[in-house]
Amino acid sequence: MVVYIFNTSIIPPGFTGMVKVRRITVEEAKSLIQSGFISSVGHDGTARFLSALLEVDVPTQRLNTRVRGGDKVVAFQLLERLPEGLILDEETLRKYRYELRVLEFK
């Protein structure tokens, strides 16, 4: 099993199984990543925000991620549509509502 961190709730290309999605707390997210993770967070501001939130280094990496059954994703999800062209730095992200989710791939 691999645990990933994404900056959105998305099912990566190529996966054809079942996906269970649920909201999680920051503490649950920390527990899921405590044994290691791969960051697929492609935006620097979001990576810095998640690093502070989860108290771990979340590097910016624009990966083409392929998940398999048994893998999990901790996903950061903004809860509102943002204005076009807005630069999402760490400070700006603090102003918007968000939630963390876990996607469990079966």
Protein backbone atom coordinates (compact mmCIF):
# COMPACT_ATOMS: atom_id res chain seq x y z
CA MET A 1 0.00 0.00 0.00
CA VAL A 2 1.17 3.48 -0.89
CA VAL A 3 -0.17 6.68 0.70
CA TYR A 4 -0.21 9.78 -1.48
CA ILE A 5 -1.02 13.42 -0.79
CA PHE A 6 -2.98 15.25 -3.52
CA ASN A 7 -4.07 18.88 -3.74
CA THR A 8 -7.54 17.80 -4.92
CA SER A 9 -9.89 14.83 -4.79
CA ILE A 10 -9.29 13.15 -8.12
CA ILE A 11 -9.22 9.61 -9.42
CA PRO A 12 -5.98 9.29 -11.39
CA PRO A 13 -6.12 8.01 -14.98
CA GLY A 14 -6.04 4.27 -15.45
CA PHE A 15 -7.72 3.24 -12.19
CA THR A 16 -10.86 1.17 -12.79
CA GLY A 17 -11.73 -0.22 -9.35
CA MET A 18 -13.88 1.09 -6.52
CA VAL A 19 -13.04 4.21 -4.52
CA LYS A 20 -14.30 5.01 -1.03
CA VAL A 21 -14.14 8.71 -0.11
CA ARG A 22 -14.67 10.24 3.32
CA ARG A 23 -13.81 13.42 5.18
CA ILE A 24 -11.03 13.17 7.75
CA THR A 25 -9.58 15.35 10.48
CA VAL A 26 -6.08 16.77 10.48
CA GLU A 27 -5.15 14.21 13.15
CA GLU A 28 -6.43 11.35 10.98
CA ALA A 29 -4.41 12.69 8.04
CA LYS A 30 -1.28 12.84 10.20
CA SER A 31 -1.85 9.25 11.27
CA LEU A 32 -2.26 8.08 7.66
CA ILE A 33 1.02 9.67 6.53
CA GLN A 34 3.14 8.91 9.60
CA SER A 35 4.80 5.87 8.00
CA GLY A 36 5.60 7.77 4.81
CA PHE A 37 3.88 9.16 1.74
CA ILE A 38 4.44 10.38 -1.78
CA SER A 39 3.48 13.95 -2.50
CA SER A 40 1.65 14.61 -5.76
CA VAL A 41 0.93 18.21 -4.76
CA GLY A 42 1.69 20.27 -7.84
CA HIS A 43 1.27 23.77 -6.42
CA ASP A 44 3.91 25.35 -4.22
CA GLY A 45 1.50 27.39 -2.08
CA THR A 46 -0.64 24.34 -1.37
CA ALA A 47 2.43 22.26 -0.52
CA ARG A 48 3.57 24.91 1.99
CA PHE A 49 0.04 25.15 3.46
CA LEU A 50 -0.18 21.37 3.88
CA SER A 51 3.34 21.23 5.33
CA ALA A 52 2.29 23.64 8.07
CA LEU A 53 -1.09 21.97 8.61
CA LEU A 54 0.26 18.41 8.78
CA GLU A 55 3.55 19.34 10.47
CA VAL A 56 5.63 17.46 7.89
CA ASP A 57 7.49 18.47 4.74
CA VAL A 58 5.11 18.11 1.78
CA PRO A 59 7.25 18.74 -1.31
CA THR A 60 5.88 20.23 -4.51
CA GLN A 61 5.92 17.48 -7.12
CA ARG A 62 3.92 17.42 -10.33
CA LEU A 63 3.77 13.64 -10.71
CA ASN A 64 1.73 11.49 -13.05
CA THR A 65 0.43 9.26 -10.28
CA ARG A 66 -0.86 5.74 -10.90
CA VAL A 67 -2.73 4.28 -7.94
CA ARG A 68 -3.43 0.60 -7.35
CA GLY A 69 -5.93 -1.26 -5.23
CA GLY A 70 -4.99 -0.85 -1.57
CA ASP A 71 -3.47 2.61 -2.06
CA LYS A 72 -4.80 5.64 -0.18
CA VAL A 73 -4.80 9.34 -0.98
CA VAL A 74 -5.00 12.15 1.55
CA ALA A 75 -6.61 14.92 -0.49
CA PHE A 76 -6.86 18.65 0.22
CA GLN A 77 -10.14 19.97 -1.18
CA LEU A 78 -11.19 23.61 -1.39
CA LEU A 79 -14.92 23.99 -0.76
CA GLU A 80 -15.57 26.96 -3.00
CA ARG A 81 -14.77 28.02 -6.52
CA LEU A 82 -11.97 30.57 -6.62
CA PRO A 83 -11.75 33.65 -8.81
CA GLU A 84 -9.96 33.08 -12.11
CA GLY A 85 -6.27 33.92 -12.06
CA LEU A 86 -5.95 33.92 -8.26
CA ILE A 87 -2.47 32.95 -7.07
CA LEU A 88 -2.84 30.41 -4.29
CA ASP A 89 -0.05 31.06 -1.87
CA GLU A 90 -0.10 29.76 1.70
CA GLU A 91 -1.56 33.00 3.08
CA THR A 92 -4.38 33.11 0.51
CA LEU A 93 -5.34 29.48 1.16
CA ARG A 94 -5.90 30.26 4.85
CA LYS A 95 -8.83 32.50 3.82
CA TYR A 96 -10.84 29.76 2.11
CA ARG A 97 -12.87 26.86 3.46
CA TYR A 98 -11.42 23.43 2.83
CA GLU A 99 -11.57 19.86 4.03
CA LEU A 100 -9.29 16.88 4.03
CA ARG A 101 -10.48 13.62 2.53
CA VAL A 102 -9.14 10.11 2.26
CA LEU A 103 -9.67 8.20 -0.96
CA GLU A 104 -9.30 4.45 -0.50
CA PHE A 105 -8.75 2.54 -3.73
CA LYS A 106 -10.10 -1.02 -3.84
